[in-house]
N, C-alpha and C. Protein backbone atom coordinates (compact mmCIF):
# COMPACT_ATOMS: atom_id res chain seq x y z
N MET A 1 0.83 -1.18 -0.01
CA MET A 1 0.00 -0.02 0.01
C MET A 1 0.87 1.25 0.00
N LEU A 2 1.95 1.24 0.77
CA LEU A 2 2.84 2.36 0.83
C LEU A 2 3.49 2.63 -0.54
N LYS A 3 3.85 1.55 -1.20
CA LYS A 3 4.50 1.67 -2.51
C LYS A 3 3.49 2.27 -3.51
N ASN A 4 2.23 1.85 -3.43
CA ASN A 4 1.20 2.34 -4.27
C ASN A 4 0.97 3.87 -4.06
N PHE A 5 0.91 4.26 -2.78
CA PHE A 5 0.73 5.69 -2.43
C PHE A 5 1.90 6.51 -2.92
N ARG A 6 3.13 5.95 -2.71
CA ARG A 6 4.33 6.66 -3.12
C ARG A 6 4.36 6.83 -4.64
N ASN A 7 4.02 5.81 -5.36
CA ASN A 7 3.95 5.89 -6.81
C ASN A 7 2.94 6.89 -7.29
N THR A 8 1.78 6.93 -6.65
CA THR A 8 0.75 7.92 -6.98
C THR A 8 1.24 9.31 -6.73
N LEU A 9 1.89 9.55 -5.60
CA LEU A 9 2.47 10.86 -5.27
C LEU A 9 3.48 11.28 -6.27
N ILE A 10 4.37 10.42 -6.60
CA ILE A 10 5.45 10.73 -7.59
C ILE A 10 4.83 11.03 -8.94
N ALA A 11 3.88 10.22 -9.34
CA ALA A 11 3.23 10.43 -10.65
C ALA A 11 2.50 11.76 -10.70
N THR A 12 1.76 12.10 -9.62
CA THR A 12 1.04 13.38 -9.58
C THR A 12 2.02 14.54 -9.61
N THR A 13 3.07 14.47 -8.87
CA THR A 13 4.03 15.57 -8.83
C THR A 13 4.69 15.76 -10.20
N LEU A 14 5.12 14.66 -10.80
CA LEU A 14 5.75 14.74 -12.11
C LEU A 14 4.77 15.22 -13.15
N ALA A 15 3.54 14.73 -13.11
CA ALA A 15 2.55 15.19 -14.08
C ALA A 15 2.30 16.68 -14.01
N ALA A 16 2.19 17.16 -12.80
CA ALA A 16 1.96 18.60 -12.60
C ALA A 16 3.14 19.43 -13.09
N ALA A 17 4.34 18.92 -12.80
CA ALA A 17 5.55 19.64 -13.28
C ALA A 17 5.71 19.61 -14.78
N LEU A 18 5.28 18.53 -15.41
CA LEU A 18 5.41 18.42 -16.85
C LEU A 18 4.28 19.08 -17.61
N ILE A 19 3.10 19.06 -17.07
CA ILE A 19 1.92 19.63 -17.72
C ILE A 19 1.92 21.15 -17.64
N ALA A 20 2.37 21.69 -16.54
CA ALA A 20 2.28 23.13 -16.29
C ALA A 20 2.91 23.98 -17.41
N PRO A 21 4.12 23.74 -17.81
CA PRO A 21 4.70 24.58 -18.89
C PRO A 21 3.96 24.41 -20.21
N ALA A 22 3.60 23.20 -20.54
CA ALA A 22 2.88 22.98 -21.82
C ALA A 22 1.50 23.60 -21.77
N ALA A 23 0.85 23.47 -20.67
CA ALA A 23 -0.52 23.99 -20.58
C ALA A 23 -0.56 25.52 -20.53
N SER A 24 0.51 26.12 -20.02
CA SER A 24 0.53 27.60 -19.95
C SER A 24 0.76 28.25 -21.29
N PHE A 25 1.34 27.53 -22.25
CA PHE A 25 1.63 28.11 -23.53
C PHE A 25 0.81 27.53 -24.65
N ALA A 26 0.09 26.48 -24.41
CA ALA A 26 -0.67 25.81 -25.46
C ALA A 26 -1.92 26.57 -25.85
N GLN A 27 -2.19 26.62 -27.16
CA GLN A 27 -3.42 27.21 -27.67
C GLN A 27 -3.91 26.30 -28.76
N PRO A 28 -5.23 26.17 -28.87
CA PRO A 28 -5.77 25.32 -29.92
C PRO A 28 -5.34 25.82 -31.31
N MET A 29 -5.06 24.86 -32.20
CA MET A 29 -4.63 25.27 -33.56
C MET A 29 -5.81 25.80 -34.34
N GLY A 30 -5.56 26.83 -35.16
CA GLY A 30 -6.56 27.37 -36.03
C GLY A 30 -7.63 28.15 -35.33
N GLN A 31 -7.37 28.58 -34.11
CA GLN A 31 -8.38 29.32 -33.38
C GLN A 31 -7.71 30.62 -32.89
N ASP A 32 -8.25 31.72 -33.32
CA ASP A 32 -7.74 33.00 -32.87
C ASP A 32 -8.41 33.34 -31.52
N LYS A 33 -7.74 34.27 -30.81
CA LYS A 33 -8.27 34.64 -29.51
C LYS A 33 -9.67 35.26 -29.63
N ASP A 34 -9.95 35.94 -30.76
CA ASP A 34 -11.24 36.58 -30.92
C ASP A 34 -12.37 35.58 -31.21
N ASP A 35 -12.02 34.36 -31.54
CA ASP A 35 -13.04 33.36 -31.85
C ASP A 35 -13.66 32.76 -30.59
N LYS A 36 -13.12 33.06 -29.41
CA LYS A 36 -13.67 32.49 -28.18
C LYS A 36 -14.98 33.11 -27.83
N PRO A 37 -15.91 32.33 -27.30
CA PRO A 37 -17.17 32.91 -26.81
C PRO A 37 -16.89 33.89 -25.67
N LYS A 38 -17.78 34.83 -25.48
CA LYS A 38 -17.60 35.86 -24.46
C LYS A 38 -17.49 35.25 -23.10
N ALA A 39 -18.19 34.14 -22.83
CA ALA A 39 -18.16 33.52 -21.53
C ALA A 39 -16.75 33.00 -21.21
N GLU A 40 -15.95 32.65 -22.21
CA GLU A 40 -14.61 32.12 -22.00
C GLU A 40 -13.56 33.22 -21.88
N LYS A 41 -13.89 34.43 -22.29
CA LYS A 41 -12.90 35.53 -22.28
C LYS A 41 -12.73 36.08 -20.89
N LYS A 42 -11.48 36.41 -20.58
CA LYS A 42 -11.22 37.14 -19.35
C LYS A 42 -10.51 38.42 -19.75
N GLU A 43 -10.32 39.31 -18.84
CA GLU A 43 -9.74 40.59 -19.15
C GLU A 43 -8.29 40.41 -19.57
N GLY A 44 -8.03 39.92 -20.78
CA GLY A 44 -6.70 39.84 -21.32
C GLY A 44 -5.87 38.66 -20.79
N LYS A 45 -6.37 37.94 -19.87
CA LYS A 45 -5.65 36.83 -19.27
C LYS A 45 -6.48 35.55 -19.30
N GLU A 46 -5.82 34.40 -19.40
CA GLU A 46 -6.54 33.14 -19.35
C GLU A 46 -6.66 32.69 -17.91
N GLY A 47 -7.61 31.85 -17.67
CA GLY A 47 -7.81 31.34 -16.28
C GLY A 47 -6.85 30.22 -15.91
N HIS A 48 -6.29 29.53 -16.89
CA HIS A 48 -5.39 28.38 -16.69
C HIS A 48 -5.97 27.36 -15.74
N PRO A 49 -7.11 26.78 -16.07
CA PRO A 49 -7.74 25.82 -15.19
C PRO A 49 -6.92 24.59 -14.89
N VAL A 50 -6.09 24.13 -15.83
CA VAL A 50 -5.28 22.93 -15.60
C VAL A 50 -4.23 23.21 -14.52
N ILE A 51 -3.59 24.39 -14.62
CA ILE A 51 -2.58 24.70 -13.61
C ILE A 51 -3.24 24.88 -12.24
N ARG A 52 -4.38 25.58 -12.19
CA ARG A 52 -5.04 25.79 -10.92
C ARG A 52 -5.50 24.45 -10.30
N GLN A 53 -6.00 23.56 -11.15
CA GLN A 53 -6.40 22.21 -10.65
C GLN A 53 -5.21 21.42 -10.16
N SER A 54 -4.10 21.55 -10.85
CA SER A 54 -2.86 20.85 -10.44
C SER A 54 -2.42 21.34 -9.07
N ILE A 55 -2.50 22.64 -8.85
CA ILE A 55 -2.12 23.21 -7.56
C ILE A 55 -3.00 22.67 -6.45
N ARG A 56 -4.31 22.63 -6.73
CA ARG A 56 -5.25 22.10 -5.71
C ARG A 56 -4.96 20.62 -5.41
N GLN A 57 -4.67 19.84 -6.47
CA GLN A 57 -4.38 18.43 -6.28
C GLN A 57 -3.08 18.24 -5.45
N LEU A 58 -2.08 19.03 -5.76
CA LEU A 58 -0.85 18.91 -5.02
C LEU A 58 -1.03 19.32 -3.56
N GLU A 59 -1.84 20.34 -3.32
CA GLU A 59 -2.12 20.77 -1.94
C GLU A 59 -2.88 19.66 -1.18
N ASN A 60 -3.79 18.96 -1.87
CA ASN A 60 -4.50 17.84 -1.24
C ASN A 60 -3.57 16.70 -0.91
N VAL A 61 -2.67 16.38 -1.85
CA VAL A 61 -1.72 15.32 -1.56
C VAL A 61 -0.80 15.67 -0.39
N LYS A 62 -0.36 16.89 -0.37
CA LYS A 62 0.48 17.36 0.75
C LYS A 62 -0.28 17.25 2.06
N ARG A 63 -1.54 17.66 2.06
CA ARG A 63 -2.34 17.59 3.30
C ARG A 63 -2.47 16.13 3.76
N GLU A 64 -2.71 15.24 2.80
CA GLU A 64 -2.82 13.80 3.15
C GLU A 64 -1.50 13.27 3.73
N LEU A 65 -0.39 13.68 3.14
CA LEU A 65 0.91 13.25 3.66
C LEU A 65 1.19 13.73 5.04
N THR A 66 0.85 15.00 5.29
CA THR A 66 1.20 15.58 6.57
C THR A 66 0.24 15.17 7.68
N THR A 67 -0.98 14.81 7.37
CA THR A 67 -1.95 14.48 8.41
C THR A 67 -2.23 13.01 8.56
N LYS A 68 -2.17 12.20 7.47
CA LYS A 68 -2.61 10.84 7.57
C LYS A 68 -1.52 9.79 7.31
N ALA A 69 -0.48 10.15 6.65
CA ALA A 69 0.57 9.18 6.36
C ALA A 69 1.47 8.94 7.55
N ALA A 70 1.98 7.72 7.67
CA ALA A 70 2.93 7.40 8.75
C ALA A 70 4.19 8.23 8.60
N SER A 71 5.00 8.27 9.65
CA SER A 71 6.16 9.16 9.62
C SER A 71 7.47 8.45 9.54
N ASP A 72 7.51 7.18 9.37
CA ASP A 72 8.79 6.42 9.40
C ASP A 72 9.23 6.01 8.00
N PHE A 73 9.60 6.97 7.22
CA PHE A 73 10.02 6.67 5.81
C PHE A 73 11.45 7.14 5.54
N GLY A 74 12.25 7.28 6.59
CA GLY A 74 13.66 7.60 6.40
C GLY A 74 13.92 8.91 5.69
N GLY A 75 13.05 9.85 5.88
CA GLY A 75 13.23 11.16 5.27
C GLY A 75 12.63 11.33 3.90
N HIS A 76 12.14 10.23 3.35
CA HIS A 76 11.62 10.30 1.96
C HIS A 76 10.28 11.04 1.93
N LYS A 77 9.48 10.92 3.01
CA LYS A 77 8.22 11.62 3.04
C LYS A 77 8.50 13.15 3.11
N ALA A 78 9.45 13.53 3.93
CA ALA A 78 9.80 14.95 4.03
C ALA A 78 10.32 15.48 2.67
N ALA A 79 11.10 14.66 1.97
CA ALA A 79 11.61 15.07 0.68
C ALA A 79 10.48 15.19 -0.32
N ALA A 80 9.49 14.29 -0.26
CA ALA A 80 8.32 14.37 -1.15
C ALA A 80 7.55 15.63 -0.87
N ILE A 81 7.35 15.98 0.42
CA ILE A 81 6.61 17.18 0.72
C ILE A 81 7.36 18.40 0.24
N LYS A 82 8.68 18.41 0.34
CA LYS A 82 9.50 19.52 -0.18
C LYS A 82 9.32 19.64 -1.68
N SER A 83 9.31 18.52 -2.40
CA SER A 83 9.12 18.48 -3.84
C SER A 83 7.73 19.02 -4.21
N ILE A 84 6.75 18.70 -3.43
CA ILE A 84 5.39 19.20 -3.68
C ILE A 84 5.38 20.70 -3.51
N ASP A 85 6.01 21.21 -2.44
CA ASP A 85 6.06 22.63 -2.23
C ASP A 85 6.75 23.33 -3.42
N GLU A 86 7.82 22.75 -3.88
CA GLU A 86 8.54 23.31 -5.03
C GLU A 86 7.66 23.31 -6.30
N ALA A 87 6.93 22.21 -6.53
CA ALA A 87 6.07 22.15 -7.68
C ALA A 87 4.97 23.18 -7.58
N ILE A 88 4.36 23.35 -6.41
CA ILE A 88 3.33 24.37 -6.22
C ILE A 88 3.91 25.76 -6.49
N GLU A 89 5.11 26.01 -6.00
CA GLU A 89 5.74 27.32 -6.23
C GLU A 89 5.99 27.55 -7.74
N HIS A 90 6.43 26.56 -8.45
CA HIS A 90 6.65 26.70 -9.88
C HIS A 90 5.36 26.97 -10.60
N LEU A 91 4.29 26.28 -10.22
CA LEU A 91 3.01 26.49 -10.87
C LEU A 91 2.48 27.91 -10.58
N ASN A 92 2.65 28.39 -9.37
CA ASN A 92 2.29 29.76 -9.00
C ASN A 92 3.10 30.78 -9.78
N GLN A 93 4.39 30.47 -10.00
CA GLN A 93 5.22 31.36 -10.80
C GLN A 93 4.74 31.38 -12.23
N ALA A 94 4.28 30.27 -12.74
CA ALA A 94 3.77 30.21 -14.10
C ALA A 94 2.53 31.07 -14.23
N LEU A 95 1.65 31.05 -13.21
CA LEU A 95 0.45 31.86 -13.23
C LEU A 95 0.83 33.35 -13.15
N ASN A 96 1.79 33.68 -12.29
CA ASN A 96 2.24 35.08 -12.19
C ASN A 96 2.93 35.57 -13.44
N PHE A 97 3.63 34.71 -14.13
CA PHE A 97 4.34 35.07 -15.36
C PHE A 97 3.32 35.52 -16.40
N ASP A 98 2.18 34.92 -16.45
CA ASP A 98 1.14 35.28 -17.43
C ASP A 98 0.58 36.65 -17.13
N LYS A 99 0.69 37.15 -15.91
CA LYS A 99 0.11 38.43 -15.53
C LYS A 99 0.99 39.60 -15.97
N LYS A 100 2.24 39.28 -16.34
CA LYS A 100 3.19 40.35 -16.69
C LYS A 100 2.94 40.87 -18.07
């Protein structure tokens, strides 16, 4: 069970780290910004729902690790939490980069 949880944590962290840069710059092919319905438009900025969802998922995983997971993992749990914090920080930086 521990191995399964660890693999899920690693996969989620890596997925968020790999998806964030691609999702922040990706645009559908053949679609101009003016073709979007008014409901999807924001004041010059995109909402980046994938990045925001990834942040929420990482925060949930971190909360699970800190509150429910056992503590005898030889420092690996602490390292995983640190990696989650770094991934969240990178995703927040990606969101802030779009605001410039």
